[in-house]
C-alpha atoms as a PDB file:
ATOM      1  CA  UNK A   1      11.756 -16.429 -44.873  1.00  0.00           C
ATOM      2  CA  UNK A   2      11.917 -19.797 -43.138  1.00  0.00           C
ATOM      3  CA  UNK A   3      15.379 -18.942 -41.796  1.00  0.00           C
ATOM      4  CA  UNK A   4      14.055 -15.679 -40.329  1.00  0.00           C
ATOM      5  CA  UNK A   5      11.183 -17.519 -38.618  1.00  0.00           C
ATOM      6  CA  UNK A   6      13.558 -20.055 -37.085  1.00  0.00           C
ATOM      7  CA  UNK A   7      15.855 -17.259 -35.883  1.00  0.00           C
ATOM      8  CA  UNK A   8      12.965 -15.340 -34.315  1.00  0.00           C
ATOM      9  CA  UNK A   9      11.658 -18.506 -32.647  1.00  0.00           C
ATOM     10  CA  UNK A  10      15.120 -19.253 -31.234  1.00  0.00           C
ATOM     11  CA  UNK A  11      15.488 -15.692 -29.924  1.00  0.00           C
ATOM     12  CA  UNK A  12      12.028 -15.797 -28.321  1.00  0.00           C
ATOM     13  CA  UNK A  13      12.794 -19.135 -26.663  1.00  0.00           C
ATOM     14  CA  UNK A  14      16.123 -17.824 -25.345  1.00  0.00           C
ATOM     15  CA  UNK A  15      14.578 -14.646 -23.929  1.00  0.00           C
ATOM     16  CA  UNK A  16      11.703 -16.552 -22.302  1.00  0.00           C
ATOM     17  CA  UNK A  17      14.157 -18.863 -20.524  1.00  0.00           C
ATOM     18  CA  UNK A  18      16.167 -16.032 -18.961  1.00  0.00           C
ATOM     19  CA  UNK A  19      15.828 -15.837 -15.183  1.00  0.00           C
ATOM     20  CA  UNK A  20      13.130 -13.413 -14.127  1.00  0.00           C
ATOM     21  CA  UNK A  21      14.018 -10.879 -11.435  1.00  0.00           C
ATOM     22  CA  UNK A  22      11.087 -10.764  -9.037  1.00  0.00           C
ATOM     23  CA  UNK A  23      10.501  -7.809  -6.788  1.00  0.00           C
ATOM     24  CA  UNK A  24       9.937  -7.979  -3.069  1.00  0.00           C
ATOM     25  CA  UNK A  25       6.512  -9.013  -1.804  1.00  0.00           C
ATOM     26  CA  UNK A  26       4.357  -7.920   1.109  1.00  0.00           C
ATOM     27  CA  UNK A  27       2.241  -9.534   3.786  1.00  0.00           C
ATOM     28  CA  UNK A  28      -0.330  -7.563   5.800  1.00  0.00           C
ATOM     29  CA  UNK A  29      -1.943  -8.570   9.103  1.00  0.00           C
ATOM     30  CA  UNK A  30      -4.920  -6.650  10.527  1.00  0.00           C
ATOM     31  CA  UNK A  31      -4.702  -6.884  14.332  1.00  0.00           C
ATOM     32  CA  UNK A  32      -7.863  -6.217  16.417  1.00  0.00           C
ATOM     33  CA  UNK A  33      -9.627  -4.390  13.571  1.00  0.00           C
ATOM     34  CA  UNK A  34     -12.749  -4.093  15.751  1.00  0.00           C
ATOM     35  CA  UNK A  35     -10.848  -1.567  17.876  1.00  0.00           C
ATOM     36  CA  UNK A  36      -9.647   0.664  15.018  1.00  0.00           C
ATOM     37  CA  UNK A  37     -10.370   4.337  15.569  1.00  0.00           C
ATOM     38  CA  UNK A  38     -12.270   4.985  12.332  1.00  0.00           C
ATOM     39  CA  UNK A  39     -12.987   2.508   9.597  1.00  0.00           C
ATOM     40  CA  UNK A  40     -16.670   3.326   9.373  1.00  0.00           C
ATOM     41  CA  UNK A  41     -18.429   3.397   6.006  1.00  0.00           C
ATOM     42  CA  UNK A  42     -20.765   6.004   4.669  1.00  0.00           C
ATOM     43  CA  UNK A  43     -23.752   4.239   3.118  1.00  0.00           C
ATOM     44  CA  UNK A  44     -22.046   0.873   2.700  1.00  0.00           C
ATOM     45  CA  UNK A  45     -22.256  -2.173   4.961  1.00  0.00           C
ATOM     46  CA  UNK A  46     -19.520  -2.244   7.627  1.00  0.00           C
ATOM     47  CA  UNK A  47     -18.127  -5.668   6.755  1.00  0.00           C
ATOM     48  CA  UNK A  48     -18.037  -5.034   3.002  1.00  0.00           C
ATOM     49  CA  UNK A  49     -16.448  -1.593   3.496  1.00  0.00           C
ATOM     50  CA  UNK A  50     -13.806  -2.997   5.874  1.00  0.00           C
ATOM     51  CA  UNK A  51     -12.947  -5.876   3.521  1.00  0.00           C
ATOM     52  CA  UNK A  52     -12.747  -3.550   0.509  1.00  0.00           C
ATOM     53  CA  UNK A  53     -10.613  -1.077   2.460  1.00  0.00           C
ATOM     54  CA  UNK A  54      -8.228  -3.765   3.719  1.00  0.00           C
ATOM     55  CA  UNK A  55      -7.880  -5.237   0.233  1.00  0.00           C
ATOM     56  CA  UNK A  56      -7.092  -1.802  -1.188  1.00  0.00           C
ATOM     57  CA  UNK A  57      -4.373  -1.224   1.433  1.00  0.00           C
ATOM     58  CA  UNK A  58      -2.959  -4.720   0.847  1.00  0.00           C
ATOM     59  CA  UNK A  59      -2.668  -4.000  -2.884  1.00  0.00           C
ATOM     60  CA  UNK A  60      -1.010  -0.677  -2.123  1.00  0.00           C
ATOM     61  CA  UNK A  61       1.558  -2.228   0.225  1.00  0.00           C
ATOM     62  CA  UNK A  62       2.264  -4.862  -2.457  1.00  0.00           C
ATOM     63  CA  UNK A  63       2.793  -2.101  -5.032  1.00  0.00           C
ATOM     64  CA  UNK A  64       5.193  -0.308  -2.697  1.00  0.00           C
ATOM     65  CA  UNK A  65       7.085  -3.526  -1.935  1.00  0.00           C
ATOM     66  CA  UNK A  66       7.742  -4.020  -5.653  1.00  0.00           C
ATOM     67  CA  UNK A  67      10.283  -1.195  -5.337  1.00  0.00           C
ATOM     68  CA  UNK A  68      12.423  -3.182  -2.889  1.00  0.00           C
ATOM     69  CA  UNK A  69      15.121  -5.717  -3.810  1.00  0.00           C
ATOM     70  CA  UNK A  70      14.030  -9.110  -5.108  1.00  0.00           C
ATOM     71  CA  UNK A  71      13.585 -11.850  -2.550  1.00  0.00           C
ATOM     72  CA  UNK A  72      12.678  -9.563   0.333  1.00  0.00           C
ATOM     73  CA  UNK A  73       9.372  -9.634   2.214  1.00  0.00           C
ATOM     74  CA  UNK A  74       7.756  -6.541   3.744  1.00  0.00           C
ATOM     75  CA  UNK A  75       5.668  -7.680   6.719  1.00  0.00           C
ATOM     76  CA  UNK A  76       3.114  -5.155   7.967  1.00  0.00           C
ATOM     77  CA  UNK A  77       1.047  -5.520  11.157  1.00  0.00           C
ATOM     78  CA  UNK A  78      -1.642  -2.814  11.228  1.00  0.00           C
ATOM     79  CA  UNK A  79      -2.896  -1.991  14.723  1.00  0.00           C
ATOM     80  CA  UNK A  80      -5.035   1.117  14.113  1.00  0.00           C
ATOM     81  CA  UNK A  81      -6.548   3.168  11.300  1.00  0.00           C
ATOM     82  CA  UNK A  82      -8.278   6.527  11.325  1.00  0.00           C
ATOM     83  CA  UNK A  83      -9.382   7.324   7.786  1.00  0.00           C
ATOM     84  CA  UNK A  84      -9.358  10.872   6.453  1.00  0.00           C
ATOM     85  CA  UNK A  85     -12.659  12.552   7.192  1.00  0.00           C
ATOM     86  CA  UNK A  86     -15.403  11.434   9.519  1.00  0.00           C
ATOM     87  CA  UNK A  87     -18.825   9.880   9.094  1.00  0.00           C
ATOM     88  CA  UNK A  88     -21.858  12.014   9.880  1.00  0.00           C
ATOM     89  CA  UNK A  89     -25.560  11.394   9.631  1.00  0.00           C
ATOM     90  CA  UNK A  90     -27.322  13.276   6.873  1.00  0.00           C
ATOM     91  CA  UNK A  91     -30.952  12.361   7.379  1.00  0.00           C
ATOM     92  CA  UNK A  92     -31.210   8.588   7.043  1.00  0.00           C
ATOM     93  CA  UNK A  93     -27.836   8.404   5.305  1.00  0.00           C
ATOM     94  CA  UNK A  94     -24.330   8.385   6.710  1.00  0.00           C
ATOM     95  CA  UNK A  95     -21.757  10.337   4.724  1.00  0.00           C
ATOM     96  CA  UNK A  96     -17.975  10.541   5.050  1.00  0.00           C
ATOM     97  CA  UNK A  97     -17.114  14.224   5.207  1.00  0.00           C
ATOM     98  CA  UNK A  98     -13.513  15.177   4.395  1.00  0.00           C
ATOM     99  CA  UNK A  99     -12.258  18.248   6.262  1.00  0.00           C
ATOM    100  CA  UNK A 100      -8.745  19.209   7.292  1.00  0.00           C
ATOM    101  CA  UNK A 101      -9.579  18.653  10.976  1.00  0.00           C
ATOM    102  CA  UNK A 102     -10.106  14.919  10.303  1.00  0.00           C
ATOM    103  CA  UNK A 103      -6.586  13.896   9.264  1.00  0.00           C
ATOM    104  CA  UNK A 104      -5.668  10.321   8.288  1.00  0.00           C
ATOM    105  CA  UNK A 105      -3.690   8.199  10.761  1.00  0.00           C
ATOM    106  CA  UNK A 106      -2.317   4.690  10.705  1.00  0.00           C
ATOM    107  CA  UNK A 107      -0.394   2.732  13.325  1.00  0.00           C
ATOM    108  CA  UNK A 108       1.550  -0.354  12.318  1.00  0.00           C
ATOM    109  CA  UNK A 109       4.774  -2.221  12.793  1.00  0.00           C
ATOM    110  CA  UNK A 110       6.858  -3.527   9.945  1.00  0.00           C
ATOM    111  CA  UNK A 111       9.720  -5.878   9.257  1.00  0.00           C
ATOM    112  CA  UNK A 112      11.695  -6.073   6.045  1.00  0.00           C
ATOM    113  CA  UNK A 113      12.980  -9.637   5.819  1.00  0.00           C
ATOM    114  CA  UNK A 114      15.584 -11.151   3.475  1.00  0.00           C
ATOM    115  CA  UNK A 115      14.983 -14.454   1.693  1.00  0.00           C
ATOM    116  CA  UNK A 116      17.128 -16.212   4.333  1.00  0.00           C
ATOM    117  CA  UNK A 117      14.833 -14.926   7.104  1.00  0.00           C
ATOM    118  CA  UNK A 118      17.217 -12.279   8.455  1.00  0.00           C
ATOM    119  CA  UNK A 119      15.633  -8.938   9.347  1.00  0.00           C
ATOM    120  CA  UNK A 120      16.948  -5.995   7.336  1.00  0.00           C
ATOM    121  CA  UNK A 121      15.021  -3.373   9.318  1.00  0.00           C
ATOM    122  CA  UNK A 122      11.938  -3.095  11.517  1.00  0.00           C
ATOM    123  CA  UNK A 123      10.077  -0.425  13.453  1.00  0.00           C
ATOM    124  CA  UNK A 124       6.803   0.662  15.095  1.00  0.00           C
ATOM    125  CA  UNK A 125       5.152   3.421  13.070  1.00  0.00           C
ATOM    126  CA  UNK A 126       2.592   6.062  13.996  1.00  0.00           C
ATOM    127  CA  UNK A 127       1.700   7.928  10.802  1.00  0.00           C
ATOM    128  CA  UNK A 128      -0.392  11.063  10.799  1.00  0.00           C
ATOM    129  CA  UNK A 129      -0.713  13.597   8.007  1.00  0.00           C
ATOM    130  CA  UNK A 130      -2.019  16.849   9.462  1.00  0.00           C
ATOM    131  CA  UNK A 131      -1.448  18.628   6.106  1.00  0.00           C
ATOM    132  CA  UNK A 132      -3.214  16.044   3.965  1.00  0.00           C
ATOM    133  CA  UNK A 133      -5.356  18.629   2.189  1.00  0.00           C
ATOM    134  CA  UNK A 134      -2.536  21.094   1.516  1.00  0.00           C
ATOM    135  CA  UNK A 135      -0.906  21.287  -1.897  1.00  0.00           C
ATOM    136  CA  UNK A 136      -2.073  19.931  -5.194  1.00  0.00           C
ATOM    137  CA  UNK A 137       0.260  16.944  -5.475  1.00  0.00           C
ATOM    138  CA  UNK A 138      -2.203  14.184  -4.723  1.00  0.00           C
ATOM    139  CA  UNK A 139      -1.696  11.486  -7.340  1.00  0.00           C
ATOM    140  CA  UNK A 140      -4.651   9.526  -5.959  1.00  0.00           C
ATOM    141  CA  UNK A 141      -6.979  12.544  -6.068  1.00  0.00           C
ATOM    142  CA  UNK A 142      -9.949  10.668  -7.504  1.00  0.00           C
ATOM    143  CA  UNK A 143      -9.164   7.289  -5.964  1.00  0.00           C
ATOM    144  CA  UNK A 144     -10.560   5.644  -2.871  1.00  0.00           C
ATOM    145  CA  UNK A 145      -8.300   6.153   0.186  1.00  0.00           C
ATOM    146  CA  UNK A 146      -6.172   8.661  -1.737  1.00  0.00           C
ATOM    147  CA  UNK A 147      -5.045  10.632   1.302  1.00  0.00           C
ATOM    148  CA  UNK A 148      -4.018   7.488   3.154  1.00  0.00           C
ATOM    149  CA  UNK A 149      -2.163   6.073   0.141  1.00  0.00           C
ATOM    150  CA  UNK A 150      -0.249   9.332  -0.325  1.00  0.00           C
ATOM    151  CA  UNK A 151       0.678   9.240   3.377  1.00  0.00           C
ATOM    152  CA  UNK A 152       1.958   5.651   2.949  1.00  0.00           C
ATOM    153  CA  UNK A 153       3.899   6.616  -0.192  1.00  0.00           C
ATOM    154  CA  UNK A 154       5.685   9.385   1.711  1.00  0.00           C
ATOM    155  CA  UNK A 155       6.496   7.061   4.620  1.00  0.00           C
ATOM    156  CA  UNK A 156       7.783   4.355   2.270  1.00  0.00           C
ATOM    157  CA  UNK A 157       9.971   6.741   0.235  1.00  0.00           C
ATOM    158  CA  UNK A 158      11.491   8.201   3.394  1.00  0.00           C
ATOM    159  CA  UNK A 159      11.947   4.883   5.241  1.00  0.00           C
ATOM    160  CA  UNK A 160      13.363   2.818   2.390  1.00  0.00           C
ATOM    161  CA  UNK A 161      15.153   5.499   0.340  1.00  0.00           C
ATOM    162  CA  UNK A 162      18.466   3.600   0.526  1.00  0.00           C
ATOM    163  CA  UNK A 163      16.867   0.288  -0.527  1.00  0.00           C
ATOM    164  CA  UNK A 164      14.550   1.331  -3.351  1.00  0.00           C
ATOM    165  CA  UNK A 165      15.522  -0.357  -6.610  1.00  0.00           C
ATOM    166  CA  UNK A 166      15.749   2.035  -9.558  1.00  0.00           C
ATOM    167  CA  UNK A 167      13.566   0.733 -12.387  1.00  0.00           C
ATOM    168  CA  UNK A 168      14.840   0.888 -15.932  1.00  0.00           C
END
């Protein structure tokens, strides 16, 4: 029994010392957010809604970047956002109403940078999903910013299809 414990401890130590393959990371900059087309809340304070929204997008970009080769950095500079839906007054309350005429849009530039600082690819992007309510394949159906996240997923898959690391 003691021999088995020593063997298991040795195997655990060996495995824990193996080099860890880290995925790519992301960095998001929000340029002139006061001028964004639509980042208005419903019944929430503007500042809190904006901060929560930005944090959610930052997490989503980080999740997408994890699919890129280790050591790379995906730099995103967001210059405009128009969230799906629009805010309307309903008595004393403001509500975000989602209709197909209020499609999500996002403008940003990106750079994918290697660990040595060399740029793999970069571009200026104007995303707009006019068909955001069509179909039933919305994996973020009950999540905040689901339409926008799906739009970003589609852009990412199309833009980086040759670079995406297949996970085991």
